[in-house]
PDB file of N, CA and C in Angstrom:
ATOM      1  N   MET A   1      87.181  14.860  49.718  1.00  0.00           N
ATOM      2  CA  MET A   1      86.254  13.825  49.289  1.00  0.00           C
ATOM      3  C   MET A   1      85.330  14.329  48.185  1.00  0.00           C
ATOM      4  N   THR A   2      85.057  15.620  48.180  1.00  0.00           N
ATOM      5  CA  THR A   2      84.144  16.151  47.163  1.00  0.00           C
ATOM      6  C   THR A   2      84.766  16.125  45.772  1.00  0.00           C
ATOM      7  N   GLN A   3      86.065  15.880  45.683  1.00  0.00           N
ATOM      8  CA  GLN A   3      86.730  15.823  44.380  1.00  0.00           C
ATOM      9  C   GLN A   3      86.525  14.477  43.693  1.00  0.00           C
ATOM     10  N   ILE A   4      85.987  13.494  44.415  1.00  0.00           N
ATOM     11  CA  ILE A   4      85.732  12.184  43.807  1.00  0.00           C
ATOM     12  C   ILE A   4      84.452  12.278  42.990  1.00  0.00           C
ATOM     13  N   THR A   5      84.591  12.106  41.675  1.00  0.00           N
ATOM     14  CA  THR A   5      83.451  12.217  40.769  1.00  0.00           C
ATOM     15  C   THR A   5      83.221  10.881  40.069  1.00  0.00           C
ATOM     16  N   VAL A   6      82.101  10.790  39.387  1.00  0.00           N
ATOM     17  CA  VAL A   6      81.783   9.592  38.611  1.00  0.00           C
ATOM     18  C   VAL A   6      82.848   9.378  37.532  1.00  0.00           C
ATOM     19  N   ASP A   7      83.305  10.462  36.907  1.00  0.00           N
ATOM     20  CA  ASP A   7      84.337  10.345  35.869  1.00  0.00           C
ATOM     21  C   ASP A   7      85.647   9.822  36.450  1.00  0.00           C
ATOM     22  N   MET A   8      85.988  10.280  37.659  1.00  0.00           N
ATOM     23  CA  MET A   8      87.212   9.806  38.305  1.00  0.00           C
ATOM     24  C   MET A   8      87.112   8.319  38.631  1.00  0.00           C
ATOM     25  N   VAL A   9      85.956   7.904  39.124  1.00  0.00           N
ATOM     26  CA  VAL A   9      85.753   6.486  39.445  1.00  0.00           C
ATOM     27  C   VAL A   9      85.827   5.650  38.176  1.00  0.00           C
ATOM     28  N   ALA A  10      85.221   6.132  37.093  1.00  0.00           N
ATOM     29  CA  ALA A  10      85.266   5.414  35.812  1.00  0.00           C
ATOM     30  C   ALA A  10      86.709   5.278  35.333  1.00  0.00           C
ATOM     31  N   ALA A  11      87.497   6.325  35.473  1.00  0.00           N
ATOM     32  CA  ALA A  11      88.904   6.266  35.069  1.00  0.00           C
ATOM     33  C   ALA A  11      89.674   5.285  35.948  1.00  0.00           C
ATOM     34  N   TYR A  12      89.355   5.251  37.239  1.00  0.00           N
ATOM     35  CA  TYR A  12      90.019   4.319  38.155  1.00  0.00           C
ATOM     36  C   TYR A  12      89.681   2.867  37.789  1.00  0.00           C
ATOM     37  N   VAL A  13      88.423   2.623  37.463  1.00  0.00           N
ATOM     38  CA  VAL A  13      88.001   1.272  37.065  1.00  0.00           C
ATOM     39  C   VAL A  13      88.732   0.850  35.791  1.00  0.00           C
ATOM     40  N   GLU A  14      88.848   1.743  34.833  1.00  0.00           N
ATOM     41  CA  GLU A  14      89.571   1.429  33.595  1.00  0.00           C
ATOM     42  C   GLU A  14      91.041   1.158  33.886  1.00  0.00           C
ATOM     43  N   TYR A  15      91.626   1.952  34.787  1.00  0.00           N
ATOM     44  CA  TYR A  15      93.019   1.738  35.171  1.00  0.00           C
ATOM     45  C   TYR A  15      93.193   0.349  35.780  1.00  0.00           C
ATOM     46  N   LEU A  16      92.273  -0.033  36.675  1.00  0.00           N
ATOM     47  CA  LEU A  16      92.351  -1.344  37.306  1.00  0.00           C
ATOM     48  C   LEU A  16      92.231  -2.464  36.270  1.00  0.00           C
ATOM     49  N   LYS A  17      91.325  -2.292  35.313  1.00  0.00           N
ATOM     50  CA  LYS A  17      91.140  -3.304  34.266  1.00  0.00           C
ATOM     51  C   LYS A  17      92.406  -3.480  33.437  1.00  0.00           C
ATOM     52  N   GLU A  18      93.041  -2.367  33.088  1.00  0.00           N
ATOM     53  CA  GLU A  18      94.202  -2.407  32.201  1.00  0.00           C
ATOM     54  C   GLU A  18      95.478  -2.862  32.911  1.00  0.00           C
ATOM     55  N   ASN A  19      95.601  -2.559  34.195  1.00  0.00           N
ATOM     56  CA  ASN A  19      96.866  -2.799  34.885  1.00  0.00           C
ATOM     57  C   ASN A  19      96.835  -3.904  35.923  1.00  0.00           C
ATOM     58  N   GLY A  20      95.664  -4.417  36.238  1.00  0.00           N
ATOM     59  CA  GLY A  20      95.574  -5.441  37.269  1.00  0.00           C
ATOM     60  C   GLY A  20      95.462  -6.831  36.691  1.00  0.00           C
ATOM     61  N   THR A  21      95.731  -7.810  37.555  1.00  0.00           N
ATOM     62  CA  THR A  21      95.593  -9.201  37.143  1.00  0.00           C
ATOM     63  C   THR A  21      94.879  -9.980  38.233  1.00  0.00           C
ATOM     64  N   GLY A  22      94.266 -11.070  37.852  1.00  0.00           N
ATOM     65  CA  GLY A  22      93.590 -11.928  38.819  1.00  0.00           C
ATOM     66  C   GLY A  22      92.461 -11.209  39.534  1.00  0.00           C
ATOM     67  N   ASP A  23      92.361 -11.463  40.831  1.00  0.00           N
ATOM     68  CA  ASP A  23      91.305 -10.852  41.640  1.00  0.00           C
ATOM     69  C   ASP A  23      91.685  -9.474  42.162  1.00  0.00           C
ATOM     70  N   GLY A  24      92.921  -9.055  41.930  1.00  0.00           N
ATOM     71  CA  GLY A  24      93.406  -7.777  42.459  1.00  0.00           C
ATOM     72  C   GLY A  24      92.514  -6.589  42.137  1.00  0.00           C
ATOM     73  N   PRO A  25      92.191  -6.345  40.855  1.00  0.00           N
ATOM     74  CA  PRO A  25      91.359  -5.183  40.529  1.00  0.00           C
ATOM     75  C   PRO A  25      89.998  -5.204  41.229  1.00  0.00           C
ATOM     76  N   LYS A  26      89.397  -6.364  41.296  1.00  0.00           N
ATOM     77  CA  LYS A  26      88.085  -6.498  41.938  1.00  0.00           C
ATOM     78  C   LYS A  26      88.185  -6.159  43.431  1.00  0.00           C
ATOM     79  N   ILE A  27      89.252  -6.626  44.078  1.00  0.00           N
ATOM     80  CA  ILE A  27      89.446  -6.371  45.506  1.00  0.00           C
ATOM     81  C   ILE A  27      89.725  -4.889  45.751  1.00  0.00           C
ATOM     82  N   TYR A  28      90.591  -4.276  44.920  1.00  0.00           N
ATOM     83  CA  TYR A  28      90.892  -2.856  45.087  1.00  0.00           C
ATOM     84  C   TYR A  28      89.636  -2.001  44.906  1.00  0.00           C
ATOM     85  N   LEU A  29      88.808  -2.337  43.917  1.00  0.00           N
ATOM     86  CA  LEU A  29      87.581  -1.572  43.708  1.00  0.00           C
ATOM     87  C   LEU A  29      86.634  -1.745  44.888  1.00  0.00           C
ATOM     88  N   ARG A  30      86.538  -2.949  45.421  1.00  0.00           N
ATOM     89  CA  ARG A  30      85.669  -3.199  46.570  1.00  0.00           C
ATOM     90  C   ARG A  30      86.113  -2.356  47.778  1.00  0.00           C
ATOM     91  N   MET A  31      87.425  -2.305  48.036  1.00  0.00           N
ATOM     92  CA  MET A  31      87.930  -1.506  49.164  1.00  0.00           C
ATOM     93  C   MET A  31      87.677  -0.020  48.935  1.00  0.00           C
ATOM     94  N   PHE A  32      87.885   0.438  47.698  1.00  0.00           N
ATOM     95  CA  PHE A  32      87.648   1.844  47.366  1.00  0.00           C
ATOM     96  C   PHE A  32      86.179   2.201  47.567  1.00  0.00           C
ATOM     97  N   LYS A  33      85.283   1.320  47.107  1.00  0.00           N
ATOM     98  CA  LYS A  33      83.851   1.569  47.255  1.00  0.00           C
ATOM     99  C   LYS A  33      83.441   1.616  48.730  1.00  0.00           C
ATOM    100  N   ARG A  34      84.057   0.764  49.555  1.00  0.00           N
ATOM    101  CA  ARG A  34      83.761   0.788  50.991  1.00  0.00           C
ATOM    102  C   ARG A  34      84.187   2.116  51.613  1.00  0.00           C
ATOM    103  N   MET A  35      85.347   2.618  51.200  1.00  0.00           N
ATOM    104  CA  MET A  35      85.826   3.898  51.718  1.00  0.00           C
ATOM    105  C   MET A  35      84.871   5.026  51.333  1.00  0.00           C
ATOM    106  N   VAL A  36      84.431   5.039  50.095  1.00  0.00           N
ATOM    107  CA  VAL A  36      83.518   6.083  49.635  1.00  0.00           C
ATOM    108  C   VAL A  36      82.167   5.952  50.334  1.00  0.00           C
ATOM    109  N   THR A  37      81.676   4.737  50.503  1.00  0.00           N
ATOM    110  CA  THR A  37      80.412   4.525  51.219  1.00  0.00           C
ATOM    111  C   THR A  37      80.510   5.023  52.657  1.00  0.00           C
ATOM    112  N   ALA A  38      81.637   4.784  53.298  1.00  0.00           N
ATOM    113  CA  ALA A  38      81.840   5.288  54.668  1.00  0.00           C
ATOM    114  C   ALA A  38      81.829   6.806  54.683  1.00  0.00           C
ATOM    115  N   ALA A  39      82.405   7.428  53.661  1.00  0.00           N
ATOM    116  CA  ALA A  39      82.397   8.892  53.575  1.00  0.00           C
ATOM    117  C   ALA A  39      80.976   9.423  53.400  1.00  0.00           C
ATOM    118  N   VAL A  40      80.174   8.725  52.616  1.00  0.00           N
ATOM    119  CA  VAL A  40      78.770   9.121  52.443  1.00  0.00           C
ATOM    120  C   VAL A  40      78.024   8.968  53.764  1.00  0.00           C
ATOM    121  N   ASP A  41      78.261   7.861  54.467  1.00  0.00           N
ATOM    122  CA  ASP A  41      77.599   7.629  55.754  1.00  0.00           C
ATOM    123  C   ASP A  41      77.957   8.692  56.790  1.00  0.00           C
ATOM    124  N   LYS A  42      79.169   9.239  56.690  1.00  0.00           N
ATOM    125  CA  LYS A  42      79.612  10.270  57.638  1.00  0.00           C
ATOM    126  C   LYS A  42      79.346  11.684  57.116  1.00  0.00           C
ATOM    127  N   ASP A  43      78.572  11.773  56.028  1.00  0.00           N
ATOM    128  CA  ASP A  43      78.196  13.051  55.418  1.00  0.00           C
ATOM    129  C   ASP A  43      79.394  13.876  54.945  1.00  0.00           C
ATOM    130  N   LEU A  44      80.467  13.205  54.567  1.00  0.00           N
ATOM    131  CA  LEU A  44      81.611  13.912  53.998  1.00  0.00           C
ATOM    132  C   LEU A  44      81.361  14.239  52.532  1.00  0.00           C
ATOM    133  N   ILE A  45      80.558  13.400  51.876  1.00  0.00           N
ATOM    134  CA  ILE A  45      80.079  13.678  50.528  1.00  0.00           C
ATOM    135  C   ILE A  45      78.597  13.329  50.478  1.00  0.00           C
ATOM    136  N   LYS A  46      77.876  13.971  49.549  1.00  0.00           N
ATOM    137  CA  LYS A  46      76.424  13.796  49.520  1.00  0.00           C
ATOM    138  C   LYS A  46      75.971  12.577  48.725  1.00  0.00           C
ATOM    139  N   LYS A  47      76.611  12.335  47.580  1.00  0.00           N
ATOM    140  CA  LYS A  47      76.199  11.218  46.726  1.00  0.00           C
ATOM    141  C   LYS A  47      77.359  10.272  46.531  1.00  0.00           C
ATOM    142  N   ASN A  48      77.043   8.997  46.347  1.00  0.00           N
ATOM    143  CA  ASN A  48      78.064   7.981  46.141  1.00  0.00           C
ATOM    144  C   ASN A  48      78.390   7.878  44.648  1.00  0.00           C
ATOM    145  N   PRO A  49      79.572   8.351  44.225  1.00  0.00           N
ATOM    146  CA  PRO A  49      79.933   8.299  42.812  1.00  0.00           C
ATOM    147  C   PRO A  49      80.324   6.901  42.337  1.00  0.00           C
ATOM    148  N   CYS A  50      80.434   5.945  43.256  1.00  0.00           N
ATOM    149  CA  CYS A  50      80.835   4.576  42.898  1.00  0.00           C
ATOM    150  C   CYS A  50      79.651   3.697  42.524  1.00  0.00           C
ATOM    151  N   ARG A  51      78.461   4.175  42.749  1.00  0.00           N
ATOM    152  CA  ARG A  51      77.272   3.360  42.506  1.00  0.00           C
ATOM    153  C   ARG A  51      77.202   2.938  41.044  1.00  0.00           C
ATOM    154  N   GLY A  52      77.047   1.650  40.828  1.00  0.00           N
ATOM    155  CA  GLY A  52      76.887   1.121  39.478  1.00  0.00           C
ATOM    156  C   GLY A  52      78.161   0.582  38.851  1.00  0.00           C
ATOM    157  N   PHE A  53      79.299   0.817  39.468  1.00  0.00           N
ATOM    158  CA  PHE A  53      80.556   0.309  38.912  1.00  0.00           C
ATOM    159  C   PHE A  53      80.829  -1.080  39.447  1.00  0.00           C
ATOM    160  N   VAL A  54      81.125  -2.013  38.529  1.00  0.00           N
ATOM    161  CA  VAL A  54      81.378  -3.404  38.891  1.00  0.00           C
ATOM    162  C   VAL A  54      82.526  -3.916  38.034  1.00  0.00           C
ATOM    163  N   LEU A  55      83.385  -4.700  38.636  1.00  0.00           N
ATOM    164  CA  LEU A  55      84.427  -5.400  37.892  1.00  0.00           C
ATOM    165  C   LEU A  55      84.145  -6.887  37.990  1.00  0.00           C
ATOM    166  N   LYS A  56      84.123  -7.550  36.863  1.00  0.00           N
ATOM    167  CA  LYS A  56      83.895  -8.994  36.848  1.00  0.00           C
ATOM    168  C   LYS A  56      85.201  -9.684  36.513  1.00  0.00           C
ATOM    169  N   ASN A  57      85.352 -10.894  37.036  1.00  0.00           N
ATOM    170  CA  ASN A  57      86.546 -11.677  36.746  1.00  0.00           C
ATOM    171  C   ASN A  57      86.543 -12.132  35.299  1.00  0.00           C
ATOM    172  N   ASN A  58      87.720 -12.140  34.724  1.00  0.00           N
ATOM    173  CA  ASN A  58      87.901 -12.691  33.395  1.00  0.00           C
ATOM    174  C   ASN A  58      88.140 -14.185  33.559  1.00  0.00           C
ATOM    175  N   ASN A  59      87.304 -15.000  32.982  1.00  0.00           N
ATOM    176  CA  ASN A  59      87.429 -16.455  33.142  1.00  0.00           C
ATOM    177  C   ASN A  59      88.708 -17.003  32.528  1.00  0.00           C
ATOM    178  N   MET A  60      89.400 -16.202  31.751  1.00  0.00           N
ATOM    179  CA  MET A  60      90.635 -16.655  31.116  1.00  0.00           C
ATOM    180  C   MET A  60      91.853 -16.431  32.019  1.00  0.00           C
ATOM    181  N   THR A  61      91.678 -15.795  33.168  1.00  0.00           N
ATOM    182  CA  THR A  61      92.819 -15.550  34.049  1.00  0.00           C
ATOM    183  C   THR A  61      93.216 -16.827  34.759  1.00  0.00           C
ATOM    184  N   LEU A  62      94.452 -16.865  35.197  1.00  0.00           N
ATOM    185  CA  LEU A  62      94.987 -18.025  35.894  1.00  0.00           C
ATOM    186  C   LEU A  62      94.289 -18.200  37.229  1.00  0.00           C
ATOM    187  N   GLN A  63      93.817 -19.388  37.481  1.00  0.00           N
ATOM    188  CA  GLN A  63      93.188 -19.711  38.752  1.00  0.00           C
ATOM    189  C   GLN A  63      94.215 -20.380  39.650  1.00  0.00           C
ATOM    190  N   LYS A  64      94.032 -20.268  40.952  1.00  0.00           N
ATOM    191  CA  LYS A  64      94.934 -20.916  41.893  1.00  0.00           C
ATOM    192  C   LYS A  64      94.710 -22.417  41.834  1.00  0.00           C
ATOM    193  N   GLU A  65      95.806 -23.153  41.858  1.00  0.00           N
ATOM    194  CA  GLU A  65      95.715 -24.604  41.829  1.00  0.00           C
ATOM    195  C   GLU A  65      95.679 -25.146  43.243  1.00  0.00           C
ATOM    196  N   ILE A  66      94.946 -26.212  43.440  1.00  0.00           N
ATOM    197  CA  ILE A  66      94.822 -26.867  44.737  1.00  0.00           C
ATOM    198  C   ILE A  66      95.617 -28.161  44.679  1.00  0.00           C
ATOM    199  N   LEU A  67      96.320 -28.462  45.761  1.00  0.00           N
ATOM    200  CA  LEU A  67      97.106 -29.697  45.794  1.00  0.00           C
ATOM    201  C   LEU A  67      96.202 -30.918  45.784  1.00  0.00           C
ATOM    202  N   LEU A  68      96.680 -31.941  45.103  1.00  0.00           N
ATOM    203  CA  LEU A  68      95.981 -33.224  45.095  1.00  0.00           C
ATOM    204  C   LEU A  68      96.251 -33.934  46.422  1.00  0.00           C
ATOM    205  N   PRO A  69      95.375 -34.862  46.826  1.00  0.00           N
ATOM    206  CA  PRO A  69      95.612 -35.588  48.085  1.00  0.00           C
ATOM    207  C   PRO A  69      96.977 -36.280  48.128  1.00  0.00           C
ATOM    208  N   GLU A  70      97.416 -36.807  46.986  1.00  0.00           N
ATOM    209  CA  GLU A  70      98.728 -37.464  46.938  1.00  0.00           C
ATOM    210  C   GLU A  70      99.851 -36.463  47.208  1.00  0.00           C
ATOM    211  N   GLU A  71      99.705 -35.252  46.681  1.00  0.00           N
ATOM    212  CA  GLU A  71     100.721 -34.225  46.893  1.00  0.00           C
ATOM    213  C   GLU A  71     100.755 -33.786  48.358  1.00  0.00           C
ATOM    214  N   ILE A  72      99.598 -33.702  48.981  1.00  0.00           N
ATOM    215  CA  ILE A  72      99.524 -33.356  50.398  1.00  0.00           C
ATOM    216  C   ILE A  72     100.212 -34.430  51.232  1.00  0.00           C
ATOM    217  N   GLN A  73      99.963 -35.697  50.925  1.00  0.00           N
ATOM    218  CA  GLN A  73     100.600 -36.799  51.645  1.00  0.00           C
ATOM    219  C   GLN A  73     102.120 -36.760  51.461  1.00  0.00           C
ATOM    220  N   GLN A  74     102.558 -36.421  50.279  1.00  0.00           N
ATOM    221  CA  GLN A  74     103.989 -36.328  50.020  1.00  0.00           C
ATOM    222  C   GLN A  74     104.603 -35.208  50.870  1.00  0.00           C
ATOM    223  N   LEU A  75     103.916 -34.097  50.993  1.00  0.00           N
ATOM    224  CA  LEU A  75     104.405 -33.005  51.844  1.00  0.00           C
ATOM    225  C   LEU A  75     104.446 -33.418  53.313  1.00  0.00           C
ATOM    226  N   VAL A  76     103.421 -34.130  53.754  1.00  0.00           N
ATOM    227  CA  VAL A  76     103.364 -34.586  55.150  1.00  0.00           C
ATOM    228  C   VAL A  76     104.523 -35.544  55.437  1.00  0.00           C
ATOM    229  N   ALA A  77     104.843 -36.384  54.466  1.00  0.00           N
ATOM    230  CA  ALA A  77     105.899 -37.394  54.668  1.00  0.00           C
ATOM    231  C   ALA A  77     107.300 -36.814  54.533  1.00  0.00           C
ATOM    232  N   THR A  78     107.431 -35.599  54.058  1.00  0.00           N
ATOM    233  CA  THR A  78     108.746 -34.981  53.867  1.00  0.00           C
ATOM    234  C   THR A  78     109.312 -34.530  55.210  1.00  0.00           C
ATOM    235  N   HIS A  79     110.565 -34.912  55.446  1.00  0.00           N
ATOM    236  CA  HIS A  79     111.245 -34.535  56.685  1.00  0.00           C
ATOM    237  C   HIS A  79     112.125 -33.317  56.412  1.00  0.00           C
ATOM    238  N   PHE A  80     111.978 -32.333  57.233  1.00  0.00           N
ATOM    239  CA  PHE A  80     112.767 -31.122  57.106  1.00  0.00           C
ATOM    240  C   PHE A  80     113.845 -31.115  58.181  1.00  0.00           C
ATOM    241  N   THR A  81     115.028 -30.620  57.845  1.00  0.00           N
ATOM    242  CA  THR A  81     116.103 -30.568  58.830  1.00  0.00           C
ATOM    243  C   THR A  81     116.427 -29.157  59.213  1.00  0.00           C
TER     244      THR A  81
END
């Protein structure tokens, strides 16, 4: 755990930005930060190197579409065999 540095976290954030899509990078960073915070709480490392790193969503990414009420009714009326 002591090998996790601010530079390593910065490189990981850049990797997530360049290679991830949608909410994936934000979720991966959140899970990573939770793991590091737990390590700090258990005194496995002294300082949290993740502090201050944030990933924001790009508003240009594809958002999930929600079905219209008519489409939901069409699905309900569909008979499957």
